[in-house]
ModelCIF file with pLDDT and N, C-alpha, C, O atoms, coordinates in Angstrom:
data_MODEL
#
_entry.id   MODEL 
#
_entity.id                         1 
_entity.type                       polymer 
_entity.pdbx_number_of_molecules   1 
#
_entity_poly.entity_id                      1 
_entity_poly.type                           'polypeptide(L)' 
_entity_poly.nstd_linkage                   no 
_entity_poly.nstd_monomer                   no 
_entity_poly.pdbx_seq_one_letter_code       RGVSSSQMIRKLVAKGFVKEAGRSEMLGRPIL 
_entity_poly.pdbx_seq_one_letter_code_can   RGVSSSQMIRKLVAKGFVKEAGRSEMLGRPIL 
_entity_poly.pdbx_strand_id                 A 
#
loop_
_entity_poly_seq.entity_id 
_entity_poly_seq.num 
_entity_poly_seq.mon_id 
_entity_poly_seq.hetero 
1 1  ARG n 
1 2  GLY n 
1 3  VAL n 
1 4  SER n 
1 5  SER n 
1 6  SER n 
1 7  GLN n 
1 8  MET n 
1 9  ILE n 
1 10 ARG n 
1 11 LYS n 
1 12 LEU n 
1 13 VAL n 
1 14 ALA n 
1 15 LYS n 
1 16 GLY n 
1 17 PHE n 
1 18 VAL n 
1 19 LYS n 
1 20 GLU n 
1 21 ALA n 
1 22 GLY n 
1 23 ARG n 
1 24 SER n 
1 25 GLU n 
1 26 MET n 
1 27 LEU n 
1 28 GLY n 
1 29 ARG n 
1 30 PRO n 
1 31 ILE n 
1 32 LEU n 
#
_struct_asym.id          A 
_struct_asym.entity_id   1 
#
loop_
_ma_qa_metric.id 
_ma_qa_metric.mode 
_ma_qa_metric.name 
_ma_qa_metric.software_group_id 
_ma_qa_metric.type 
1 global pLDDT . pLDDT 
2 local  pLDDT . pLDDT 
#
_ma_qa_metric_global.metric_id      1 
_ma_qa_metric_global.metric_value   89.88 
_ma_qa_metric_global.model_id       1 
_ma_qa_metric_global.ordinal_id     1 
#
loop_
_ma_qa_metric_local.label_asym_id 
_ma_qa_metric_local.label_comp_id 
_ma_qa_metric_local.label_seq_id 
_ma_qa_metric_local.metric_id 
_ma_qa_metric_local.metric_value 
_ma_qa_metric_local.model_id 
_ma_qa_metric_local.ordinal_id 
A ARG 1  2 91.00 1 1  
A GLY 2  2 91.00 1 2  
A VAL 3  2 91.00 1 3  
A SER 4  2 89.00 1 4  
A SER 5  2 89.00 1 5  
A SER 6  2 88.00 1 6  
A GLN 7  2 87.00 1 7  
A MET 8  2 90.00 1 8  
A ILE 9  2 92.00 1 9  
A ARG 10 2 89.00 1 10 
A LYS 11 2 87.00 1 11 
A LEU 12 2 92.00 1 12 
A VAL 13 2 91.00 1 13 
A ALA 14 2 85.00 1 14 
A LYS 15 2 85.00 1 15 
A GLY 16 2 87.00 1 16 
A PHE 17 2 91.00 1 17 
A VAL 18 2 93.00 1 18 
A LYS 19 2 93.00 1 19 
A GLU 20 2 92.00 1 20 
A ALA 21 2 92.00 1 21 
A GLY 22 2 91.00 1 22 
A ARG 23 2 92.00 1 23 
A SER 24 2 89.00 1 24 
A GLU 25 2 90.00 1 25 
A MET 26 2 88.00 1 26 
A LEU 27 2 88.00 1 27 
A GLY 28 2 85.00 1 28 
A ARG 29 2 89.00 1 29 
A PRO 30 2 92.00 1 30 
A ILE 31 2 93.00 1 31 
A LEU 32 2 94.00 1 32 
#
loop_
_atom_site.group_PDB 
_atom_site.id 
_atom_site.type_symbol 
_atom_site.label_atom_id 
_atom_site.label_alt_id 
_atom_site.label_comp_id 
_atom_site.label_asym_id 
_atom_site.label_entity_id 
_atom_site.label_seq_id 
_atom_site.pdbx_PDB_ins_code 
_atom_site.Cartn_x 
_atom_site.Cartn_y 
_atom_site.Cartn_z 
_atom_site.occupancy 
_atom_site.B_iso_or_equiv 
_atom_site.pdbx_formal_charge 
_atom_site.auth_seq_id 
_atom_site.auth_comp_id 
_atom_site.auth_asym_id 
_atom_site.auth_atom_id 
_atom_site.pdbx_PDB_model_num 
ATOM 1   N N  . ARG A 1 1  ? 54.178 -30.925 12.094 1.00 91.00 ? 1  ARG A N  1 
ATOM 2   C CA . ARG A 1 1  ? 54.157 -30.424 10.720 1.00 91.00 ? 1  ARG A CA 1 
ATOM 3   C C  . ARG A 1 1  ? 53.490 -28.860 10.500 1.00 91.00 ? 1  ARG A C  1 
ATOM 4   O O  . ARG A 1 1  ? 53.862 -28.101 9.605  1.00 91.00 ? 1  ARG A O  1 
ATOM 5   N N  . GLY A 1 2  ? 52.497 -28.561 11.436 1.00 91.00 ? 2  GLY A N  1 
ATOM 6   C CA . GLY A 1 2  ? 51.643 -27.429 11.160 1.00 91.00 ? 2  GLY A CA 1 
ATOM 7   C C  . GLY A 1 2  ? 50.606 -27.574 10.364 1.00 91.00 ? 2  GLY A C  1 
ATOM 8   O O  . GLY A 1 2  ? 49.708 -26.740 10.476 1.00 91.00 ? 2  GLY A O  1 
ATOM 9   N N  . VAL A 1 3  ? 50.444 -28.831 9.211  1.00 91.00 ? 3  VAL A N  1 
ATOM 10  C CA . VAL A 1 3  ? 49.287 -28.907 8.595  1.00 91.00 ? 3  VAL A CA 1 
ATOM 11  C C  . VAL A 1 3  ? 48.929 -30.231 8.765  1.00 91.00 ? 3  VAL A C  1 
ATOM 12  O O  . VAL A 1 3  ? 49.642 -31.089 9.285  1.00 91.00 ? 3  VAL A O  1 
ATOM 13  N N  . SER A 1 4  ? 47.634 -30.412 8.249  1.00 89.00 ? 4  SER A N  1 
ATOM 14  C CA . SER A 1 4  ? 47.066 -32.029 8.153  1.00 89.00 ? 4  SER A CA 1 
ATOM 15  C C  . SER A 1 4  ? 47.879 -33.031 7.574  1.00 89.00 ? 4  SER A C  1 
ATOM 16  O O  . SER A 1 4  ? 48.340 -32.783 6.460  1.00 89.00 ? 4  SER A O  1 
ATOM 17  N N  . SER A 1 5  ? 48.147 -34.113 8.108  1.00 89.00 ? 5  SER A N  1 
ATOM 18  C CA . SER A 1 5  ? 49.015 -35.225 7.426  1.00 89.00 ? 5  SER A CA 1 
ATOM 19  C C  . SER A 1 5  ? 48.169 -36.390 7.051  1.00 89.00 ? 5  SER A C  1 
ATOM 20  O O  . SER A 1 5  ? 48.800 -37.390 6.710  1.00 89.00 ? 5  SER A O  1 
ATOM 21  N N  . SER A 1 6  ? 46.734 -36.476 7.043  1.00 88.00 ? 6  SER A N  1 
ATOM 22  C CA . SER A 1 6  ? 45.896 -37.598 7.128  1.00 88.00 ? 6  SER A CA 1 
ATOM 23  C C  . SER A 1 6  ? 46.344 -38.095 5.511  1.00 88.00 ? 6  SER A C  1 
ATOM 24  O O  . SER A 1 6  ? 46.654 -39.271 5.321  1.00 88.00 ? 6  SER A O  1 
ATOM 25  N N  . GLN A 1 7  ? 46.347 -37.151 4.441  1.00 87.00 ? 7  GLN A N  1 
ATOM 26  C CA . GLN A 1 7  ? 46.513 -37.797 3.206  1.00 87.00 ? 7  GLN A CA 1 
ATOM 27  C C  . GLN A 1 7  ? 47.891 -38.168 3.023  1.00 87.00 ? 7  GLN A C  1 
ATOM 28  O O  . GLN A 1 7  ? 48.005 -38.940 2.070  1.00 87.00 ? 7  GLN A O  1 
ATOM 29  N N  . MET A 1 8  ? 48.968 -37.900 3.587  1.00 90.00 ? 8  MET A N  1 
ATOM 30  C CA . MET A 1 8  ? 50.410 -37.874 3.500  1.00 90.00 ? 8  MET A CA 1 
ATOM 31  C C  . MET A 1 8  ? 50.501 -39.511 4.093  1.00 90.00 ? 8  MET A C  1 
ATOM 32  O O  . MET A 1 8  ? 50.928 -40.455 3.429  1.00 90.00 ? 8  MET A O  1 
ATOM 33  N N  . ILE A 1 9  ? 50.107 -39.570 5.177  1.00 92.00 ? 9  ILE A N  1 
ATOM 34  C CA . ILE A 1 9  ? 50.065 -40.648 5.764  1.00 92.00 ? 9  ILE A CA 1 
ATOM 35  C C  . ILE A 1 9  ? 49.674 -41.891 5.142  1.00 92.00 ? 9  ILE A C  1 
ATOM 36  O O  . ILE A 1 9  ? 50.345 -42.914 5.009  1.00 92.00 ? 9  ILE A O  1 
ATOM 37  N N  . ARG A 1 10 ? 48.093 -41.574 4.660  1.00 89.00 ? 10 ARG A N  1 
ATOM 38  C CA . ARG A 1 10 ? 47.764 -42.756 3.776  1.00 89.00 ? 10 ARG A CA 1 
ATOM 39  C C  . ARG A 1 10 ? 48.464 -43.125 2.789  1.00 89.00 ? 10 ARG A C  1 
ATOM 40  O O  . ARG A 1 10 ? 48.699 -44.313 2.567  1.00 89.00 ? 10 ARG A O  1 
ATOM 41  N N  . LYS A 1 11 ? 48.972 -41.986 1.930  1.00 87.00 ? 11 LYS A N  1 
ATOM 42  C CA . LYS A 1 11 ? 50.086 -42.667 0.904  1.00 87.00 ? 11 LYS A CA 1 
ATOM 43  C C  . LYS A 1 11 ? 51.312 -43.417 1.405  1.00 87.00 ? 11 LYS A C  1 
ATOM 44  O O  . LYS A 1 11 ? 51.914 -44.285 0.773  1.00 87.00 ? 11 LYS A O  1 
ATOM 45  N N  . LEU A 1 12 ? 51.568 -43.024 2.476  1.00 92.00 ? 12 LEU A N  1 
ATOM 46  C CA . LEU A 1 12 ? 53.055 -43.788 3.093  1.00 92.00 ? 12 LEU A CA 1 
ATOM 47  C C  . LEU A 1 12 ? 52.690 -45.233 3.272  1.00 92.00 ? 12 LEU A C  1 
ATOM 48  O O  . LEU A 1 12 ? 53.348 -46.180 2.841  1.00 92.00 ? 12 LEU A O  1 
ATOM 49  N N  . VAL A 1 13 ? 51.458 -45.309 4.020  1.00 91.00 ? 13 VAL A N  1 
ATOM 50  C CA . VAL A 1 13 ? 50.901 -46.685 4.377  1.00 91.00 ? 13 VAL A CA 1 
ATOM 51  C C  . VAL A 1 13 ? 50.930 -47.548 3.082  1.00 91.00 ? 13 VAL A C  1 
ATOM 52  O O  . VAL A 1 13 ? 51.557 -48.601 2.962  1.00 91.00 ? 13 VAL A O  1 
ATOM 53  N N  . ALA A 1 14 ? 49.847 -46.708 1.738  1.00 85.00 ? 14 ALA A N  1 
ATOM 54  C CA . ALA A 1 14 ? 49.502 -47.719 0.797  1.00 85.00 ? 14 ALA A CA 1 
ATOM 55  C C  . ALA A 1 14 ? 51.168 -48.004 -0.017 1.00 85.00 ? 14 ALA A C  1 
ATOM 56  O O  . ALA A 1 14 ? 51.214 -48.989 -0.755 1.00 85.00 ? 14 ALA A O  1 
ATOM 57  N N  . LYS A 1 15 ? 52.558 -47.096 0.142  1.00 85.00 ? 15 LYS A N  1 
ATOM 58  C CA . LYS A 1 15 ? 53.652 -47.569 -0.488 1.00 85.00 ? 15 LYS A CA 1 
ATOM 59  C C  . LYS A 1 15 ? 54.285 -48.451 0.689  1.00 85.00 ? 15 LYS A C  1 
ATOM 60  O O  . LYS A 1 15 ? 55.462 -48.765 0.512  1.00 85.00 ? 15 LYS A O  1 
ATOM 61  N N  . GLY A 1 16 ? 53.746 -48.839 1.722  1.00 87.00 ? 16 GLY A N  1 
ATOM 62  C CA . GLY A 1 16 ? 54.375 -49.488 2.453  1.00 87.00 ? 16 GLY A CA 1 
ATOM 63  C C  . GLY A 1 16 ? 55.384 -48.995 3.166  1.00 87.00 ? 16 GLY A C  1 
ATOM 64  O O  . GLY A 1 16 ? 56.210 -49.860 3.456  1.00 87.00 ? 16 GLY A O  1 
ATOM 65  N N  . PHE A 1 17 ? 55.633 -47.890 3.570  1.00 91.00 ? 17 PHE A N  1 
ATOM 66  C CA . PHE A 1 17 ? 56.905 -47.229 4.082  1.00 91.00 ? 17 PHE A CA 1 
ATOM 67  C C  . PHE A 1 17 ? 56.192 -47.287 5.541  1.00 91.00 ? 17 PHE A C  1 
ATOM 68  O O  . PHE A 1 17 ? 56.931 -47.841 6.354  1.00 91.00 ? 17 PHE A O  1 
ATOM 69  N N  . VAL A 1 18 ? 55.092 -46.911 6.026  1.00 93.00 ? 18 VAL A N  1 
ATOM 70  C CA . VAL A 1 18 ? 54.207 -46.599 7.272  1.00 93.00 ? 18 VAL A CA 1 
ATOM 71  C C  . VAL A 1 18 ? 53.225 -47.742 7.802  1.00 93.00 ? 18 VAL A C  1 
ATOM 72  O O  . VAL A 1 18 ? 52.435 -48.260 7.013  1.00 93.00 ? 18 VAL A O  1 
ATOM 73  N N  . LYS A 1 19 ? 53.273 -48.095 9.012  1.00 93.00 ? 19 LYS A N  1 
ATOM 74  C CA . LYS A 1 19 ? 52.118 -49.060 9.074  1.00 93.00 ? 19 LYS A CA 1 
ATOM 75  C C  . LYS A 1 19 ? 51.324 -48.731 10.491 1.00 93.00 ? 19 LYS A C  1 
ATOM 76  O O  . LYS A 1 19 ? 51.853 -48.028 11.351 1.00 93.00 ? 19 LYS A O  1 
ATOM 77  N N  . GLU A 1 20 ? 50.055 -49.284 10.647 1.00 92.00 ? 20 GLU A N  1 
ATOM 78  C CA . GLU A 1 20 ? 49.512 -48.755 11.984 1.00 92.00 ? 20 GLU A CA 1 
ATOM 79  C C  . GLU A 1 20 ? 50.178 -49.677 13.361 1.00 92.00 ? 20 GLU A C  1 
ATOM 80  O O  . GLU A 1 20 ? 50.124 -50.895 13.192 1.00 92.00 ? 20 GLU A O  1 
ATOM 81  N N  . ALA A 1 21 ? 50.629 -49.331 14.336 1.00 92.00 ? 21 ALA A N  1 
ATOM 82  C CA . ALA A 1 21 ? 51.566 -49.882 15.409 1.00 92.00 ? 21 ALA A CA 1 
ATOM 83  C C  . ALA A 1 21 ? 50.407 -50.102 16.732 1.00 92.00 ? 21 ALA A C  1 
ATOM 84  O O  . ALA A 1 21 ? 50.814 -50.307 17.875 1.00 92.00 ? 21 ALA A O  1 
ATOM 85  N N  . GLY A 1 22 ? 49.190 -50.041 16.459 1.00 91.00 ? 22 GLY A N  1 
ATOM 86  C CA . GLY A 1 22 ? 48.213 -50.145 17.693 1.00 91.00 ? 22 GLY A CA 1 
ATOM 87  C C  . GLY A 1 22 ? 47.798 -48.869 17.999 1.00 91.00 ? 22 GLY A C  1 
ATOM 88  O O  . GLY A 1 22 ? 48.117 -47.899 17.311 1.00 91.00 ? 22 GLY A O  1 
ATOM 89  N N  . ARG A 1 23 ? 46.987 -48.789 19.155 1.00 92.00 ? 23 ARG A N  1 
ATOM 90  C CA . ARG A 1 23 ? 46.379 -47.595 19.561 1.00 92.00 ? 23 ARG A CA 1 
ATOM 91  C C  . ARG A 1 23 ? 47.022 -46.978 20.685 1.00 92.00 ? 23 ARG A C  1 
ATOM 92  O O  . ARG A 1 23 ? 47.598 -47.577 21.594 1.00 92.00 ? 23 ARG A O  1 
ATOM 93  N N  . SER A 1 24 ? 46.854 -45.475 20.533 1.00 89.00 ? 24 SER A N  1 
ATOM 94  C CA . SER A 1 24 ? 47.531 -44.634 21.819 1.00 89.00 ? 24 SER A CA 1 
ATOM 95  C C  . SER A 1 24 ? 46.580 -44.831 23.111 1.00 89.00 ? 24 SER A C  1 
ATOM 96  O O  . SER A 1 24 ? 45.512 -45.414 22.921 1.00 89.00 ? 24 SER A O  1 
ATOM 97  N N  . GLU A 1 25 ? 46.816 -44.498 24.078 1.00 90.00 ? 25 GLU A N  1 
ATOM 98  C CA . GLU A 1 25 ? 46.318 -44.366 25.222 1.00 90.00 ? 25 GLU A CA 1 
ATOM 99  C C  . GLU A 1 25 ? 45.561 -43.021 25.506 1.00 90.00 ? 25 GLU A C  1 
ATOM 100 O O  . GLU A 1 25 ? 44.738 -42.943 26.419 1.00 90.00 ? 25 GLU A O  1 
ATOM 101 N N  . MET A 1 26 ? 45.887 -41.916 24.647 1.00 88.00 ? 26 MET A N  1 
ATOM 102 C CA . MET A 1 26 ? 45.264 -40.861 24.662 1.00 88.00 ? 26 MET A CA 1 
ATOM 103 C C  . MET A 1 26 ? 43.655 -40.873 24.268 1.00 88.00 ? 26 MET A C  1 
ATOM 104 O O  . MET A 1 26 ? 43.210 -41.584 23.367 1.00 88.00 ? 26 MET A O  1 
ATOM 105 N N  . LEU A 1 27 ? 42.947 -40.090 24.975 1.00 88.00 ? 27 LEU A N  1 
ATOM 106 C CA . LEU A 1 27 ? 41.650 -40.020 24.857 1.00 88.00 ? 27 LEU A CA 1 
ATOM 107 C C  . LEU A 1 27 ? 41.104 -39.962 23.242 1.00 88.00 ? 27 LEU A C  1 
ATOM 108 O O  . LEU A 1 27 ? 41.362 -39.091 22.411 1.00 88.00 ? 27 LEU A O  1 
ATOM 109 N N  . GLY A 1 28 ? 40.344 -41.065 23.091 1.00 85.00 ? 28 GLY A N  1 
ATOM 110 C CA . GLY A 1 28 ? 39.727 -41.559 21.867 1.00 85.00 ? 28 GLY A CA 1 
ATOM 111 C C  . GLY A 1 28 ? 40.785 -42.615 21.261 1.00 85.00 ? 28 GLY A C  1 
ATOM 112 O O  . GLY A 1 28 ? 40.625 -43.238 20.211 1.00 85.00 ? 28 GLY A O  1 
ATOM 113 N N  . ARG A 1 29 ? 41.701 -42.682 21.973 1.00 89.00 ? 29 ARG A N  1 
ATOM 114 C CA . ARG A 1 29 ? 42.533 -44.155 21.293 1.00 89.00 ? 29 ARG A CA 1 
ATOM 115 C C  . ARG A 1 29 ? 42.921 -43.972 19.838 1.00 89.00 ? 29 ARG A C  1 
ATOM 116 O O  . ARG A 1 29 ? 42.498 -44.819 19.052 1.00 89.00 ? 29 ARG A O  1 
ATOM 117 N N  . PRO A 1 30 ? 43.590 -43.084 19.422 1.00 92.00 ? 30 PRO A N  1 
ATOM 118 C CA . PRO A 1 30 ? 43.862 -42.832 18.004 1.00 92.00 ? 30 PRO A CA 1 
ATOM 119 C C  . PRO A 1 30 ? 44.976 -43.771 17.611 1.00 92.00 ? 30 PRO A C  1 
ATOM 120 O O  . PRO A 1 30 ? 45.687 -44.345 18.436 1.00 92.00 ? 30 PRO A O  1 
ATOM 121 N N  . ILE A 1 31 ? 45.086 -43.893 16.292 1.00 93.00 ? 31 ILE A N  1 
ATOM 122 C CA . ILE A 1 31 ? 46.219 -45.070 15.792 1.00 93.00 ? 31 ILE A CA 1 
ATOM 123 C C  . ILE A 1 31 ? 47.388 -44.548 15.944 1.00 93.00 ? 31 ILE A C  1 
ATOM 124 O O  . ILE A 1 31 ? 47.614 -43.375 15.646 1.00 93.00 ? 31 ILE A O  1 
ATOM 125 N N  . LEU A 1 32 ? 48.354 -45.419 16.468 1.00 94.00 ? 32 LEU A N  1 
ATOM 126 C CA . LEU A 1 32 ? 49.716 -45.223 16.263 1.00 94.00 ? 32 LEU A CA 1 
ATOM 127 C C  . LEU A 1 32 ? 50.493 -45.546 15.124 1.00 94.00 ? 32 LEU A C  1 
ATOM 128 O O  . LEU A 1 32 ? 51.700 -45.301 15.110 1.00 94.00 ? 32 LEU A O  1 
#
């Protein structure tokens, strides 16, 4: 996107359109 998406992802999770799907194998093991 070229911009921070943390707020948008939080909104989409709250609306039930997006969910956590585990952790990535990348450094820091970020949420998928």
